[in-house]
């Protein structure tokens, strides 16, 4: 019963299509003008559509990069990391948080965030990031930049945000001056670009020590002895190695951690002249030589520290002497030994040197032999790389950046610009290949154009679908458009193949042949199109975690097939008739050419002679 009803319904549809096809063939010029309008509209919509490299996925994992003040200490960085992790952990969509610091630089850290399943959190990863951003920005002295982890990532450059824009110049000072200005100018384009930061590290703190050489010489100190003592105190010098059957441990010499947190700890240092030896009271002999270490902090006088602190330091000094005695007597499997001498004369640091604190570069990046600074940024919800690129260009013009500073995209953004530049060539190459294959198939150079005429309507459908769903064109969407070229042209192939057969073998005129071909192939055309559209529905729906990567493919295929199905049923027969008439005119015109007439006369002479 259902099959009979469906068959009857299709028969009514076929009759209606036959009548409408006759009307289209009678008004062929209007159909041709419609096809030309579709071609122009295709170009316009393609230029109007925003573009990006790959669509943003929701994989359930966020990666965060913390950028703190350049002069921050390691303990303070640990506190900032814990504070930011606590804020993230309190979000209801977050399952777990893990982070570490001390990687690329002292003022950076990396955070890994696992989100709850999509069915539990009910919002996308980008929405989670947008919800966390205002809370994280309230933390002073550090910023956490979050981005969703992607399955496809291009470029190995690591940055705080997903996309990079690199500035290079042969004038380092100009680059250092203009990079912060560009970062500030981009803050005005928050709707197109966000989370802008740079890897320029020009505000680290350094302590510069100036030795009073005359005073040092009067006390019997050489500059290298003072330098060695400072290195022993703050340089984390490896003085020995302890071995056991399974492992080895390095013995590192330094002052207690509370004394190397701030530069003012230098005022609590004393240099010892023990028994006339200016190198200090302690000597540690290593396999390669002797390292001097005469630094004492706060143990020589009680005027610079409170009584409990002085007692603690004296107790630490006594414990150190006992440890040295045990080490000298037992050896302990160590590669070095220690000995102490007395009496000693203590000279304060302030008597031998002064120090000043100033800013310095913690790192200077280079690219292609020039000083470089990389700006990294993320895209806002619904944003595209084309809009971000336009914002960067406009910002550089707003601030009047000098021509000596050159900017270019890097990483995924660079791959985007290069891939978008080759898209027209890629589409053109696909069309040329299809034309050549069809020309070989039909042994004709005219009718392949008939089949290719089905593509403009498919392009319109694909771009309109992307605009309706608010999806920018990307590499995945371009794959869908290339796929459309192969799927859509099968409608034209079905019609043209039958029409050529009717003309060549049955002697039917062109109009009747294409009319009969369209009606005969209507059912298989509808069935194959319906199968392709239904197969693209799960992709276009974008259901499931990480499905956003494949969603543009389904959207372009569905939109292109639906719209092309409506137009190609009428444009293909009209184009076939026009090109068939053109073929006949070209054939008649070519037969009038002089060389064709001479060829005909030459081939006719043998027949005349044979007739005699």
Protein backbone atom coordinates (compact mmCIF):
# COMPACT_ATOMS: atom_id res chain seq x y z
CA UNK A 1 0.00 0.00 0.00
CA UNK A 2 2.74 2.41 0.94
CA UNK A 3 4.74 1.58 -2.18
CA UNK A 4 1.67 2.27 -4.39
CA UNK A 5 1.06 5.58 -2.66
CA UNK A 6 4.70 6.59 -3.01
CA UNK A 7 4.65 5.52 -6.67
CA UNK A 8 1.50 7.52 -7.35
CA UNK A 9 2.96 10.54 -5.58
CA UNK A 10 6.10 10.32 -7.66
CA UNK A 11 4.05 10.03 -10.88
CA UNK A 12 2.24 13.27 -10.02
CA UNK A 13 5.60 14.90 -9.30
CA UNK A 14 6.99 13.63 -12.61
CA UNK A 15 4.03 15.03 -14.55
CA UNK A 16 4.43 18.40 -12.87
CA UNK A 17 8.13 18.38 -13.63
CA UNK A 18 7.46 17.57 -17.30
CA UNK A 19 5.14 20.58 -17.64
CA UNK A 20 7.55 22.90 -15.84
CA UNK A 21 10.45 21.63 -17.96
CA UNK A 22 8.53 22.49 -21.14
CA UNK A 23 8.03 26.00 -19.79
CA UNK A 24 11.74 26.31 -18.99
CA UNK A 25 12.70 25.17 -22.50
CA UNK A 26 10.27 27.69 -23.97
CA UNK A 27 11.86 30.49 -21.91
CA UNK A 28 15.46 29.43 -22.36
CA UNK A 29 16.85 32.98 -22.27
CA UNK A 30 15.39 33.59 -18.83
CA UNK A 31 16.97 30.37 -17.58
CA UNK A 32 20.35 31.40 -19.04
CA UNK A 33 20.13 34.79 -17.32
CA UNK A 34 19.29 33.03 -14.05
CA UNK A 35 22.36 30.84 -14.39
CA UNK A 36 24.57 33.88 -15.04
CA UNK A 37 23.08 35.60 -11.98
CA UNK A 38 23.85 32.50 -9.91
CA UNK A 39 27.46 32.59 -11.07
CA UNK A 40 27.86 36.26 -10.09
CA UNK A 41 26.10 35.72 -6.77
CA UNK A 42 28.39 32.79 -6.07
CA UNK A 43 31.47 35.02 -6.27
CA UNK A 44 29.82 37.72 -4.13
CA UNK A 45 28.77 35.33 -1.36
CA UNK A 46 32.16 33.65 -1.31
CA UNK A 47 33.85 37.02 -0.72
CA UNK A 48 31.26 37.93 1.91
CA UNK A 49 31.75 34.74 3.90
CA UNK A 50 34.24 34.96 6.83
CA UNK A 51 37.05 32.44 6.76
CA UNK A 52 39.18 30.54 9.23
CA UNK A 53 41.65 27.66 9.14
CA UNK A 54 39.99 24.83 11.08
CA UNK A 55 36.70 25.06 13.00
CA UNK A 56 37.06 25.14 16.77
CA UNK A 57 36.43 21.80 18.42
CA UNK A 58 35.08 20.87 21.81
CA UNK A 59 37.29 17.96 22.84
CA UNK A 60 36.54 18.29 26.55
CA UNK A 61 40.06 19.48 27.39
CA UNK A 62 41.26 23.05 27.92
CA UNK A 63 44.90 24.14 27.87
CA UNK A 64 45.85 27.27 29.76
CA UNK A 65 49.03 29.34 29.73
CA UNK A 66 49.75 31.61 32.68
CA UNK A 67 51.79 34.73 32.01
CA UNK A 68 52.80 36.55 35.19
CA UNK A 69 54.78 39.67 35.96
CA UNK A 70 58.28 39.38 34.54
CA UNK A 71 59.92 40.13 37.88
CA UNK A 72 57.97 37.51 39.82
CA UNK A 73 59.81 35.04 42.02
CA UNK A 74 59.35 31.29 41.93
CA UNK A 75 57.45 31.04 45.27
CA UNK A 76 55.15 33.88 44.21
CA UNK A 77 54.58 32.14 40.88
CA UNK A 78 53.55 28.99 42.73
CA UNK A 79 51.03 31.01 44.70
CA UNK A 80 49.57 32.54 41.53
CA UNK A 81 49.31 29.10 39.95
CA UNK A 82 47.46 27.73 42.98
CA UNK A 83 45.14 30.75 43.07
CA UNK A 84 44.19 30.46 39.40
CA UNK A 85 43.77 26.69 39.66
CA UNK A 86 41.39 27.19 42.57
CA UNK A 87 39.22 29.56 40.53
CA UNK A 88 39.06 27.13 37.62
CA UNK A 89 38.33 24.15 39.85
CA UNK A 90 35.26 25.86 41.34
CA UNK A 91 33.55 26.07 37.94
CA UNK A 92 30.72 23.49 37.73
CA UNK A 93 31.79 22.35 34.25
CA UNK A 94 35.35 21.45 35.33
CA UNK A 95 36.21 17.89 36.33
CA UNK A 96 39.91 18.26 37.23
CA UNK A 97 42.80 20.73 36.97
CA UNK A 98 46.54 20.11 36.85
CA UNK A 99 49.37 22.57 36.29
CA UNK A 100 53.08 23.10 36.52
CA UNK A 101 55.47 26.02 36.46
CA UNK A 102 59.16 26.49 35.83
CA UNK A 103 59.12 25.46 32.19
CA UNK A 104 59.90 28.00 29.48
CA UNK A 105 60.51 30.87 31.88
CA UNK A 106 60.12 31.70 35.55
CA UNK A 107 57.00 33.81 34.98
CA UNK A 108 55.05 31.22 32.97
CA UNK A 109 53.03 28.13 33.80
CA UNK A 110 50.86 25.61 31.98
CA UNK A 111 47.46 24.37 33.16
CA UNK A 112 45.54 21.34 31.87
CA UNK A 113 41.79 21.32 32.49
CA UNK A 114 39.53 18.33 31.97
CA UNK A 115 35.87 19.23 31.49
CA UNK A 116 32.91 17.11 32.42
CA UNK A 117 31.13 15.21 29.62
CA UNK A 118 29.10 17.42 27.31
CA UNK A 119 25.84 15.88 28.48
CA UNK A 120 26.58 17.01 32.06
CA UNK A 121 27.92 20.51 31.49
CA UNK A 122 25.38 21.42 28.75
CA UNK A 123 27.62 24.18 27.36
CA UNK A 124 30.52 24.14 24.92
CA UNK A 125 34.17 24.51 25.83
CA UNK A 126 34.28 28.03 24.40
CA UNK A 127 31.35 29.03 26.62
CA UNK A 128 33.20 27.63 29.63
CA UNK A 129 36.22 29.76 28.70
CA UNK A 130 34.03 32.86 28.35
CA UNK A 131 32.50 32.19 31.76
CA UNK A 132 35.90 31.79 33.42
CA UNK A 133 37.58 34.77 31.74
CA UNK A 134 36.09 37.58 33.91
CA UNK A 135 36.90 35.67 37.11
CA UNK A 136 40.48 34.97 36.05
CA UNK A 137 41.08 38.57 34.96
CA UNK A 138 40.45 39.76 38.51
CA UNK A 139 43.68 38.11 39.66
CA UNK A 140 46.41 40.75 39.74
CA UNK A 141 49.93 40.08 38.58
CA UNK A 142 49.11 37.10 36.35
CA UNK A 143 46.81 36.21 33.45
CA UNK A 144 45.55 32.80 32.44
CA UNK A 145 44.82 32.36 28.73
CA UNK A 146 42.57 29.38 27.98
CA UNK A 147 41.95 27.58 24.71
CA UNK A 148 40.28 24.33 23.76
CA UNK A 149 42.60 21.53 22.72
CA UNK A 150 42.27 20.70 19.03
CA UNK A 151 42.69 17.37 17.26
CA UNK A 152 44.38 19.10 14.32
CA UNK A 153 47.14 21.57 15.13
CA UNK A 154 49.50 23.12 12.60
CA UNK A 155 52.89 24.50 13.62
CA UNK A 156 55.11 23.65 16.53
CA UNK A 157 55.44 27.13 18.00
CA UNK A 158 54.15 27.33 21.56
CA UNK A 159 52.38 30.46 22.74
CA UNK A 160 49.85 31.56 25.32
CA UNK A 161 47.04 31.74 22.74
CA UNK A 162 46.14 29.69 19.67
CA UNK A 163 47.20 31.98 16.81
CA UNK A 164 50.41 33.95 16.32
CA UNK A 165 51.48 37.11 14.52
CA UNK A 166 55.23 37.77 14.46
CA UNK A 167 56.92 41.17 14.20
CA UNK A 168 60.53 41.33 13.00
CA UNK A 169 62.93 44.22 12.61
CA UNK A 170 66.63 44.94 12.30
CA UNK A 171 66.14 47.76 14.83
CA UNK A 172 65.65 46.03 18.17
CA UNK A 173 64.79 49.18 20.10
CA UNK A 174 62.05 50.12 17.63
CA UNK A 175 60.60 46.63 17.94
CA UNK A 176 60.67 46.81 21.75
CA UNK A 177 58.91 50.20 21.65
CA UNK A 178 56.18 49.44 19.11
CA UNK A 179 55.15 45.92 20.14
CA UNK A 180 53.42 47.04 23.39
CA UNK A 181 51.69 49.82 21.43
CA UNK A 182 50.26 47.31 18.97
CA UNK A 183 49.08 45.06 21.81
CA UNK A 184 47.31 48.02 23.42
CA UNK A 185 45.76 49.09 20.10
CA UNK A 186 44.34 45.61 19.50
CA UNK A 187 42.42 45.90 22.76
CA UNK A 188 39.95 48.16 20.92
CA UNK A 189 38.92 45.28 18.65
CA UNK A 190 37.63 42.90 21.33
CA UNK A 191 34.79 41.78 19.06
CA UNK A 192 37.23 40.46 16.45
CA UNK A 193 40.29 39.42 18.47
CA UNK A 194 40.88 38.68 22.15
CA UNK A 195 43.44 37.38 24.65
CA UNK A 196 46.18 39.38 22.91
CA UNK A 197 49.63 39.07 24.48
CA UNK A 198 53.25 39.07 23.38
CA UNK A 199 56.37 37.10 24.26
CA UNK A 200 58.38 40.31 24.67
CA UNK A 201 60.26 40.01 27.99
CA UNK A 202 61.90 43.38 28.60
CA UNK A 203 60.93 44.11 32.20
CA UNK A 204 62.70 41.49 34.23
CA UNK A 205 64.62 42.62 37.31
CA UNK A 206 68.37 42.38 37.62
CA UNK A 207 70.71 43.29 40.46
CA UNK A 208 73.94 44.88 39.30
CA UNK A 209 76.83 44.70 41.79
CA UNK A 210 79.66 47.23 41.67
CA UNK A 211 82.80 46.20 43.57
CA UNK A 212 84.84 48.88 45.32
CA UNK A 213 88.19 47.54 44.16
CA UNK A 214 90.31 49.79 46.37
CA UNK A 215 88.47 48.82 49.54
CA UNK A 216 88.48 45.16 48.52
CA UNK A 217 92.23 45.28 47.90
CA UNK A 218 92.79 46.92 51.28
CA UNK A 219 91.02 43.96 52.92
CA UNK A 220 92.94 41.55 50.74
CA UNK A 221 90.11 40.46 48.42
CA UNK A 222 90.38 39.96 44.68
CA UNK A 223 87.29 40.58 42.46
CA UNK A 224 87.19 36.95 41.37
CA UNK A 225 87.13 35.88 45.03
CA UNK A 226 84.09 38.06 45.67
CA UNK A 227 82.51 36.72 42.50
CA UNK A 228 83.12 33.12 43.57
CA UNK A 229 81.64 33.77 46.98
CA UNK A 230 78.50 35.30 45.47
CA UNK A 231 78.20 32.37 43.09
CA UNK A 232 78.56 29.93 45.99
CA UNK A 233 75.75 31.74 47.78
CA UNK A 234 73.28 32.25 44.91
CA UNK A 235 74.50 30.28 41.88
CA UNK A 236 73.47 26.80 43.06
CA UNK A 237 76.92 25.39 42.47
CA UNK A 238 77.21 21.61 42.39
CA UNK A 239 79.96 20.80 44.88
CA UNK A 240 79.69 17.05 45.21
CA UNK A 241 77.95 13.91 44.04
CA UNK A 242 76.62 11.23 46.37
CA UNK A 243 76.36 7.75 44.94
CA UNK A 244 74.29 4.80 46.04
CA UNK A 245 73.71 1.45 44.32
CA UNK A 246 70.66 2.68 42.37
CA UNK A 247 71.08 6.40 41.89
CA UNK A 248 73.28 9.43 42.30
CA UNK A 249 72.52 12.75 43.96
CA UNK A 250 74.07 16.14 43.34
CA UNK A 251 75.02 18.22 46.36
CA UNK A 252 74.17 21.86 45.65
CA UNK A 253 75.56 24.70 47.74
CA UNK A 254 73.52 27.85 48.31
CA UNK A 255 72.23 30.06 51.10
CA UNK A 256 68.93 29.21 52.74
CA UNK A 257 65.97 29.97 50.44
CA UNK A 258 64.67 32.84 52.58
CA UNK A 259 67.90 34.73 51.90
CA UNK A 260 67.83 34.69 48.10
CA UNK A 261 64.27 35.96 47.68
CA UNK A 262 65.15 39.68 47.75
CA UNK A 263 68.24 41.74 46.83
CA UNK A 264 68.42 43.26 50.30
CA UNK A 265 69.72 39.90 51.51
CA UNK A 266 73.07 41.04 50.12
CA UNK A 267 73.34 43.46 53.03
CA UNK A 268 73.41 40.48 55.38
CA UNK A 269 76.38 38.86 53.68
CA UNK A 270 79.87 38.84 55.20
CA UNK A 271 83.13 37.90 53.54
CA UNK A 272 85.58 36.06 55.74
CA UNK A 273 89.34 36.44 55.99
CA UNK A 274 90.18 33.39 58.06
CA UNK A 275 93.83 33.18 59.25
CA UNK A 276 94.78 35.68 56.58
CA UNK A 277 93.14 33.65 53.85
CA UNK A 278 90.81 35.98 51.95
CA UNK A 279 88.97 33.16 50.26
CA UNK A 280 86.84 32.36 53.29
CA UNK A 281 86.44 29.92 56.10
CA UNK A 282 85.16 27.02 54.04
CA UNK A 283 86.81 25.32 51.12
CA UNK A 284 85.22 22.51 49.19
CA UNK A 285 87.60 20.54 47.02
CA UNK A 286 86.03 19.14 43.88
CA UNK A 287 87.64 16.81 41.35
CA UNK A 288 88.24 19.76 39.03
CA UNK A 289 89.67 22.22 41.57
CA UNK A 290 88.82 24.26 44.65
CA UNK A 291 85.79 26.53 44.98
CA UNK A 292 85.77 29.25 47.60
CA UNK A 293 82.68 29.90 49.63
CA UNK A 294 82.98 32.45 52.39
CA UNK A 295 79.42 33.77 52.46
CA UNK A 296 77.74 34.06 55.83
CA UNK A 297 74.26 35.48 56.27
CA UNK A 298 73.11 37.00 59.53
CA UNK A 299 75.28 34.87 61.83
CA UNK A 300 78.09 37.34 62.50
CA UNK A 301 76.08 39.92 64.39
CA UNK A 302 72.78 40.11 66.19
CA UNK A 303 72.21 43.72 65.25
CA UNK A 304 70.73 42.78 61.86
CA UNK A 305 68.26 40.14 62.99
CA UNK A 306 65.99 39.38 65.91
CA UNK A 307 67.12 37.07 68.70
CA UNK A 308 65.06 34.06 67.65
CA UNK A 309 66.27 34.40 64.08
CA UNK A 310 69.89 34.74 65.23
CA UNK A 311 69.54 31.71 67.47
CA UNK A 312 68.12 29.73 64.57
CA UNK A 313 70.96 30.75 62.29
CA UNK A 314 73.55 29.92 64.95
CA UNK A 315 71.93 26.53 65.39
CA UNK A 316 72.05 26.01 61.62
CA UNK A 317 75.72 26.95 61.58
CA UNK A 318 76.46 24.51 64.40
CA UNK A 319 74.56 21.77 62.53
CA UNK A 320 76.54 22.52 59.39
CA UNK A 321 79.84 22.19 61.28
CA UNK A 322 78.77 18.83 62.64
CA UNK A 323 77.72 17.68 59.18
CA UNK A 324 81.09 18.71 57.74
CA UNK A 325 82.87 16.82 60.52
CA UNK A 326 80.87 13.68 59.78
CA UNK A 327 81.50 14.08 56.06
CA UNK A 328 85.25 14.42 56.57
CA UNK A 329 85.43 11.43 58.88
CA UNK A 330 83.10 9.08 57.00
CA UNK A 331 83.38 10.19 53.42
CA UNK A 332 79.79 9.14 52.78
CA UNK A 333 80.42 8.06 49.21
CA UNK A 334 80.88 11.72 48.20
CA UNK A 335 83.30 12.99 45.60
CA UNK A 336 84.34 16.02 47.71
CA UNK A 337 85.34 16.93 51.27
CA UNK A 338 85.12 20.02 53.44
CA UNK A 339 87.35 21.56 56.09
CA UNK A 340 87.11 24.72 58.20
CA UNK A 341 89.77 27.04 59.59
CA UNK A 342 89.74 29.71 62.27
CA UNK A 343 90.08 32.45 63.48
CA UNK A 344 88.22 34.60 60.95
CA UNK A 345 87.71 38.31 60.18
CA UNK A 346 84.24 39.18 58.83
CA UNK A 347 83.88 41.99 56.25
CA UNK A 348 80.32 43.08 55.40
CA UNK A 349 79.16 43.23 51.80
CA UNK A 350 78.33 46.93 52.10
CA UNK A 351 82.01 47.66 52.78
CA UNK A 352 83.17 45.96 49.58
CA UNK A 353 80.43 46.61 46.99
CA UNK A 354 77.14 48.31 46.21
CA UNK A 355 74.19 47.07 44.21
CA UNK A 356 71.45 48.61 42.08
CA UNK A 357 68.24 47.07 40.72
CA UNK A 358 67.13 47.73 37.14
CA UNK A 359 65.07 46.22 34.34
CA UNK A 360 66.54 43.81 31.83
CA UNK A 361 65.44 41.49 29.07
CA UNK A 362 64.82 37.96 30.29
CA UNK A 363 64.77 36.65 26.72
CA UNK A 364 65.28 38.02 23.20
CA UNK A 365 63.71 36.05 20.36
CA UNK A 366 65.02 35.90 16.80
CA UNK A 367 63.53 34.81 13.51
CA UNK A 368 65.35 34.69 10.18
CA UNK A 369 68.33 36.41 11.74
CA UNK A 370 66.33 39.41 13.00
CA UNK A 371 65.00 40.35 16.42
CA UNK A 372 61.40 39.15 16.69
CA UNK A 373 58.38 39.51 18.95
CA UNK A 374 55.36 37.22 18.60
CA UNK A 375 51.83 38.34 19.38
CA UNK A 376 49.43 35.51 20.19
CA UNK A 377 45.66 35.81 20.21
CA UNK A 378 42.42 33.87 20.32
CA UNK A 379 39.21 34.32 18.37
CA UNK A 380 36.00 35.46 20.09
CA UNK A 381 32.85 33.30 19.81
CA UNK A 382 31.70 33.39 16.21
CA UNK A 383 34.91 35.09 15.11
CA UNK A 384 37.11 34.20 12.17
CA UNK A 385 40.74 34.56 11.22
CA UNK A 386 39.85 36.87 8.36
CA UNK A 387 38.27 39.32 10.82
CA UNK A 388 41.26 39.05 13.16
CA UNK A 389 43.66 39.71 10.27
CA UNK A 390 41.65 42.78 9.29
CA UNK A 391 41.78 44.02 12.90
CA UNK A 392 45.57 43.62 13.04
CA UNK A 393 46.01 45.49 9.76
CA UNK A 394 43.76 48.30 10.95
CA UNK A 395 45.55 48.54 14.31
CA UNK A 396 48.96 48.83 12.64
CA UNK A 397 47.62 51.70 10.53
CA UNK A 398 46.02 53.38 13.54
CA UNK A 399 49.27 53.58 15.50
CA UNK A 400 51.40 54.38 12.44
CA UNK A 401 53.86 51.53 12.83
CA UNK A 402 57.09 52.29 10.94
CA UNK A 403 57.95 50.40 7.77
CA UNK A 404 61.12 49.02 9.38
CA UNK A 405 58.96 46.63 11.42
CA UNK A 406 57.54 43.76 9.38
CA UNK A 407 54.61 41.62 10.46
CA UNK A 408 53.49 38.18 9.29
CA UNK A 409 51.33 35.39 10.61
CA UNK A 410 52.99 32.31 12.07
CA UNK A 411 51.90 28.78 12.93
CA UNK A 412 48.28 27.95 12.17
CA UNK A 413 47.53 31.51 11.05
CA UNK A 414 50.35 31.35 8.51
CA UNK A 415 49.02 28.03 7.18
CA UNK A 416 45.59 29.66 6.93
CA UNK A 417 46.80 32.56 4.80
CA UNK A 418 48.74 30.29 2.46
CA UNK A 419 45.88 27.78 2.12
CA UNK A 420 43.26 30.44 1.44
CA UNK A 421 45.49 31.89 -1.27
CA UNK A 422 45.59 28.56 -3.10
CA UNK A 423 41.85 27.83 -2.88
CA UNK A 424 40.95 29.43 -6.26
CA UNK A 425 43.74 27.50 -7.97
CA UNK A 426 42.59 24.29 -6.31
CA UNK A 427 39.00 24.73 -7.51
CA UNK A 428 40.19 25.67 -11.00
CA UNK A 429 42.43 22.60 -11.17
CA UNK A 430 39.52 20.38 -10.14
CA UNK A 431 37.32 21.86 -12.87
CA UNK A 432 40.01 21.40 -15.51
CA UNK A 433 40.51 17.76 -14.56
CA UNK A 434 36.76 17.09 -14.66
CA UNK A 435 36.48 18.80 -18.06
CA UNK A 436 39.32 16.74 -19.53
CA UNK A 437 37.90 13.45 -18.22
CA UNK A 438 34.41 14.23 -19.54
CA UNK A 439 35.81 15.33 -22.88
CA UNK A 440 37.59 12.00 -23.25
CA UNK A 441 34.45 10.15 -22.16
CA UNK A 442 32.10 11.79 -24.68
CA UNK A 443 34.71 12.47 -27.38
CA UNK A 444 33.34 15.98 -27.41
CA UNK A 445 34.51 19.38 -26.19
CA UNK A 446 31.05 20.95 -25.92
CA UNK A 447 28.90 18.76 -23.71
CA UNK A 448 31.38 18.65 -20.76
CA UNK A 449 30.49 22.33 -20.35
CA UNK A 450 26.85 21.28 -20.00
CA UNK A 451 27.76 19.06 -17.08
CA UNK A 452 29.96 21.69 -15.43
CA UNK A 453 27.09 24.19 -15.63
CA UNK A 454 25.54 22.40 -12.65
CA UNK A 455 28.27 23.65 -10.29
CA UNK A 456 27.33 27.35 -9.77
CA UNK A 457 24.04 26.43 -8.11
CA UNK A 458 25.87 23.99 -5.83
CA UNK A 459 28.30 26.72 -4.80
CA UNK A 460 25.40 29.05 -4.00
CA UNK A 461 23.78 26.40 -1.85
CA UNK A 462 27.00 25.69 0.04
CA UNK A 463 27.78 29.35 0.81
CA UNK A 464 24.18 30.14 1.75
CA UNK A 465 24.11 27.18 4.13
CA UNK A 466 27.34 28.34 5.79
CA UNK A 467 25.93 31.87 6.18
CA UNK A 468 22.63 30.61 7.61
CA UNK A 469 24.37 28.43 10.21
CA UNK A 470 26.96 31.13 10.99
CA UNK A 471 29.86 28.89 10.02
CA UNK A 472 32.97 30.48 8.48
CA UNK A 473 34.53 28.85 5.47
CA UNK A 474 37.50 26.68 6.40
CA UNK A 475 39.67 23.92 5.04
CA UNK A 476 36.98 21.39 5.99
CA UNK A 477 34.31 23.44 4.19
CA UNK A 478 36.53 23.61 1.11
CA UNK A 479 36.80 19.82 1.18
CA UNK A 480 33.00 19.73 1.13
CA UNK A 481 32.89 22.08 -1.87
CA UNK A 482 35.40 19.93 -3.76
CA UNK A 483 33.26 16.91 -2.86
CA UNK A 484 30.23 18.72 -4.28
CA UNK A 485 31.95 18.98 -7.65
CA UNK A 486 31.96 15.21 -7.88
CA UNK A 487 28.46 14.65 -6.50
CA UNK A 488 26.53 17.40 -8.30
CA UNK A 489 27.86 16.73 -11.78
CA UNK A 490 26.33 13.25 -11.70
CA UNK A 491 22.92 14.91 -12.37
CA UNK A 492 24.22 16.36 -15.59
CA UNK A 493 26.02 13.16 -16.55
CA UNK A 494 22.81 11.14 -16.19
CA UNK A 495 20.86 13.50 -18.46
CA UNK A 496 23.55 14.14 -21.06
CA UNK A 497 24.47 10.47 -21.39
CA UNK A 498 20.89 9.44 -22.25
CA UNK A 499 20.33 12.47 -24.52
CA UNK A 500 23.45 11.75 -26.58
CA UNK A 501 22.38 8.11 -26.90
CA UNK A 502 18.93 9.13 -28.16
CA UNK A 503 20.40 11.55 -30.68
CA UNK A 504 23.11 9.27 -32.05
CA UNK A 505 21.36 5.91 -32.02
CA UNK A 506 17.66 6.79 -32.26
CA UNK A 507 17.87 9.89 -34.46
CA UNK A 508 15.85 12.02 -32.04
CA UNK A 509 16.19 15.82 -32.22
CA UNK A 510 18.03 17.63 -29.43
CA UNK A 511 15.00 19.09 -27.60
CA UNK A 512 13.07 15.84 -27.49
CA UNK A 513 16.21 13.91 -26.55
CA UNK A 514 17.06 16.08 -23.54
CA UNK A 515 13.39 16.22 -22.50
CA UNK A 516 13.09 12.43 -22.52
CA UNK A 517 16.46 12.05 -20.80
CA UNK A 518 15.41 14.39 -17.97
CA UNK A 519 12.20 12.44 -17.38
CA UNK A 520 13.87 9.03 -17.60
CA UNK A 521 16.62 10.00 -15.15
CA UNK A 522 14.43 11.92 -12.72
CA UNK A 523 13.96 9.00 -10.32
CA UNK A 524 17.66 7.98 -10.04
CA UNK A 525 18.65 11.64 -9.74
CA UNK A 526 16.23 12.15 -6.83
CA UNK A 527 17.28 8.91 -5.15
CA UNK A 528 21.03 9.57 -5.30
CA UNK A 529 20.58 13.15 -4.11
CA UNK A 530 18.36 12.07 -1.23
CA UNK A 531 20.88 9.40 -0.20
CA UNK A 532 23.75 11.92 -0.22
CA UNK A 533 21.74 14.53 1.73
CA UNK A 534 20.63 12.04 4.37
CA UNK A 535 24.20 10.80 4.70
CA UNK A 536 25.36 14.37 5.41
CA UNK A 537 22.71 15.03 8.09
CA UNK A 538 24.74 13.52 11.00
CA UNK A 539 27.77 15.57 9.98
CA UNK A 540 25.76 18.79 9.73
CA UNK A 541 24.05 18.17 13.08
CA UNK A 542 27.44 18.23 14.81
CA UNK A 543 26.37 15.92 17.61
CA UNK A 544 28.98 14.47 19.93
CA UNK A 545 32.24 15.66 21.43
CA UNK A 546 34.66 17.01 18.83
CA UNK A 547 32.08 16.87 16.02
CA UNK A 548 32.53 20.57 15.23
CA UNK A 549 35.54 19.70 13.09
CA UNK A 550 33.37 17.75 10.62
CA UNK A 551 30.28 19.94 10.78
CA UNK A 552 31.21 22.35 7.91
CA UNK A 553 31.61 19.33 5.62
CA UNK A 554 28.02 18.23 6.25
CA UNK A 555 26.64 21.77 5.97
CA UNK A 556 28.24 22.44 2.58
CA UNK A 557 27.21 19.07 1.14
CA UNK A 558 23.60 19.43 2.30
CA UNK A 559 23.19 23.02 1.17
CA UNK A 560 24.88 22.47 -2.17
CA UNK A 561 22.91 19.33 -3.02
CA UNK A 562 19.50 20.72 -2.05
CA UNK A 563 19.83 23.94 -4.06
CA UNK A 564 21.59 22.37 -7.02
CA UNK A 565 18.85 19.72 -7.22
CA UNK A 566 16.26 22.44 -7.80
CA UNK A 567 18.20 24.36 -10.44
CA UNK A 568 20.00 21.66 -12.39
CA UNK A 569 16.75 19.92 -13.34
CA UNK A 570 16.00 22.99 -15.47
CA UNK A 571 19.35 24.61 -16.29
CA UNK A 572 21.01 21.45 -17.59
CA UNK A 573 18.44 20.79 -20.40
CA UNK A 574 18.53 24.44 -21.47
CA UNK A 575 22.33 24.56 -21.55
CA UNK A 576 22.35 21.27 -23.48
CA UNK A 577 20.12 22.75 -26.20
CA UNK A 578 22.16 25.95 -26.49
CA UNK A 579 25.47 24.12 -26.70
CA UNK A 580 24.08 21.57 -29.17
CA UNK A 581 23.03 24.41 -31.46
CA UNK A 582 26.47 25.95 -31.01
CA UNK A 583 28.05 22.62 -31.94
CA UNK A 584 26.04 22.44 -35.16
CA UNK A 585 26.95 26.00 -36.10
CA UNK A 586 30.63 25.34 -35.48
CA UNK A 587 30.42 22.18 -37.59
CA UNK A 588 28.78 24.01 -40.50
CA UNK A 589 31.22 26.89 -40.23
CA UNK A 590 34.24 24.60 -40.15
CA UNK A 591 33.02 22.79 -43.24
CA UNK A 592 33.21 26.08 -45.19
CA UNK A 593 36.90 26.60 -44.45
CA UNK A 594 39.21 26.34 -47.50
CA UNK A 595 41.28 23.42 -46.21
CA UNK A 596 38.14 21.47 -45.40
CA UNK A 597 36.80 22.07 -48.93
CA UNK A 598 40.10 20.93 -50.47
CA UNK A 599 40.03 17.85 -48.28
CA UNK A 600 36.53 17.07 -49.46
CA UNK A 601 37.51 17.54 -53.12
CA UNK A 602 40.54 15.29 -52.71
CA UNK A 603 38.52 12.50 -51.18
CA UNK A 604 35.87 12.73 -53.93
CA UNK A 605 38.23 12.16 -56.91
CA UNK A 606 38.81 8.44 -56.34
CA UNK A 607 35.07 7.82 -56.21
CA UNK A 608 34.55 9.54 -59.58
CA UNK A 609 37.33 7.57 -61.26
CA UNK A 610 36.10 4.34 -59.81
CA UNK A 611 32.65 5.10 -61.11
CA UNK A 612 34.00 5.29 -64.65
